[in-house]
Amino acid sequence: IQAVKAYLDLVSQACRAVLIFLKHNKIPHTVENIAIRKGQHKTPEFTKLNPMQKLPVLEDNGFVLTER
């Protein structure tokens, strides 16, 4: 089973909730830290992943789940 990749900034309550959910349900995951305060959510690489430039984002085997 491939781990879910979670793009998070733990300053965000929504991101912390996603992390708690993943851990509580023992879902294999990796965390990619995206520093909102440094503008990392506005980089071209992240914008390709989520054009709305919002966190959290979950990526699972090519499927990307974002906040719209």
C-alpha atoms as a PDB file:
ATOM      1  CA  ILE A   1       0.000   0.000   0.000  1.00  0.00           C
ATOM      2  CA  GLN A   2       1.346   3.372  -1.031  1.00  0.00           C
ATOM      3  CA  ALA A   3       1.182   6.052   1.652  1.00  0.00           C
ATOM      4  CA  VAL A   4      -1.089   9.068   1.280  1.00  0.00           C
ATOM      5  CA  LYS A   5       0.946  12.237   0.852  1.00  0.00           C
ATOM      6  CA  ALA A   6      -0.410  15.074   2.985  1.00  0.00           C
ATOM      7  CA  TYR A   7       0.626  18.653   2.236  1.00  0.00           C
ATOM      8  CA  LEU A   8       0.181  20.502   5.520  1.00  0.00           C
ATOM      9  CA  ASP A   9       1.116  23.540   7.573  1.00  0.00           C
ATOM     10  CA  LEU A  10       0.419  22.728  11.211  1.00  0.00           C
ATOM     11  CA  VAL A  11      -0.273  26.409  11.938  1.00  0.00           C
ATOM     12  CA  SER A  12      -3.591  25.722  10.193  1.00  0.00           C
ATOM     13  CA  GLN A  13      -6.337  24.127  12.278  1.00  0.00           C
ATOM     14  CA  ALA A  14      -7.690  22.342   9.206  1.00  0.00           C
ATOM     15  CA  CYS A  15      -4.266  20.803   8.555  1.00  0.00           C
ATOM     16  CA  ARG A  16      -3.957  19.661  12.157  1.00  0.00           C
ATOM     17  CA  ALA A  17      -7.401  18.039  11.901  1.00  0.00           C
ATOM     18  CA  VAL A  18      -6.337  16.117   8.781  1.00  0.00           C
ATOM     19  CA  LEU A  19      -3.177  14.905  10.517  1.00  0.00           C
ATOM     20  CA  ILE A  20      -5.142  13.777  13.585  1.00  0.00           C
ATOM     21  CA  PHE A  21      -7.596  11.930  11.312  1.00  0.00           C
ATOM     22  CA  LEU A  22      -4.785  10.154   9.442  1.00  0.00           C
ATOM     23  CA  LYS A  23      -3.041   9.119  12.663  1.00  0.00           C
ATOM     24  CA  HIS A  24      -6.227   8.087  14.504  1.00  0.00           C
ATOM     25  CA  ASN A  25      -7.324   5.874  11.614  1.00  0.00           C
ATOM     26  CA  LYS A  26      -3.799   4.466  11.154  1.00  0.00           C
ATOM     27  CA  ILE A  27      -3.732   5.517   7.496  1.00  0.00           C
ATOM     28  CA  PRO A  28      -0.189   5.232   6.117  1.00  0.00           C
ATOM     29  CA  HIS A  29       0.922   8.742   5.224  1.00  0.00           C
ATOM     30  CA  THR A  30       3.828  11.070   4.689  1.00  0.00           C
ATOM     31  CA  VAL A  31       3.762  14.778   5.446  1.00  0.00           C
ATOM     32  CA  GLU A  32       5.102  17.443   3.135  1.00  0.00           C
ATOM     33  CA  ASN A  33       5.409  20.632   5.167  1.00  0.00           C
ATOM     34  CA  ILE A  34       4.280  23.733   3.269  1.00  0.00           C
ATOM     35  CA  ALA A  35       5.043  26.969   5.136  1.00  0.00           C
ATOM     36  CA  ILE A  36       2.181  29.382   4.454  1.00  0.00           C
ATOM     37  CA  ARG A  37       4.012  32.224   6.190  1.00  0.00           C
ATOM     38  CA  LYS A  38       6.908  31.780   3.728  1.00  0.00           C
ATOM     39  CA  GLY A  39       4.547  31.700   0.749  1.00  0.00           C
ATOM     40  CA  GLN A  40       5.386  28.112  -0.160  1.00  0.00           C
ATOM     41  CA  HIS A  41       1.740  27.512  -1.109  1.00  0.00           C
ATOM     42  CA  LYS A  42       2.161  30.052  -3.937  1.00  0.00           C
ATOM     43  CA  THR A  43       5.101  28.360  -5.678  1.00  0.00           C
ATOM     44  CA  PRO A  44       4.603  27.132  -9.258  1.00  0.00           C
ATOM     45  CA  GLU A  45       5.081  23.519  -8.103  1.00  0.00           C
ATOM     46  CA  PHE A  46       2.367  23.737  -5.445  1.00  0.00           C
ATOM     47  CA  THR A  47       0.052  25.726  -7.738  1.00  0.00           C
ATOM     48  CA  LYS A  48       0.182  22.823 -10.231  1.00  0.00           C
ATOM     49  CA  LEU A  49      -0.988  20.546  -7.425  1.00  0.00           C
ATOM     50  CA  ASN A  50      -3.695  22.939  -6.207  1.00  0.00           C
ATOM     51  CA  PRO A  51      -4.477  25.977  -8.393  1.00  0.00           C
ATOM     52  CA  MET A  52      -6.443  27.506  -5.485  1.00  0.00           C
ATOM     53  CA  GLN A  53      -3.190  27.540  -3.435  1.00  0.00           C
ATOM     54  CA  LYS A  54      -4.947  26.325  -0.281  1.00  0.00           C
ATOM     55  CA  LEU A  55      -4.060  23.733   2.331  1.00  0.00           C
ATOM     56  CA  PRO A  56      -4.567  20.947   3.259  1.00  0.00           C
ATOM     57  CA  VAL A  57      -4.028  18.810   0.147  1.00  0.00           C
ATOM     58  CA  LEU A  58      -4.027  15.022   0.059  1.00  0.00           C
ATOM     59  CA  GLU A  59      -2.483  13.040  -2.780  1.00  0.00           C
ATOM     60  CA  ASP A  60      -3.198   9.329  -3.081  1.00  0.00           C
ATOM     61  CA  ASN A  61      -1.857   7.325  -6.001  1.00  0.00           C
ATOM     62  CA  GLY A  62      -2.349  10.189  -8.483  1.00  0.00           C
ATOM     63  CA  PHE A  63      -5.688  11.380  -7.045  1.00  0.00           C
ATOM     64  CA  VAL A  64      -5.454  14.858  -5.516  1.00  0.00           C
ATOM     65  CA  LEU A  65      -8.018  16.028  -2.954  1.00  0.00           C
ATOM     66  CA  THR A  66      -8.089  19.771  -2.287  1.00  0.00           C
ATOM     67  CA  GLU A  67     -10.271  22.342  -0.636  1.00  0.00           C
ATOM     68  CA  ARG A  68     -12.255  24.227  -3.272  1.00  0.00           C
END
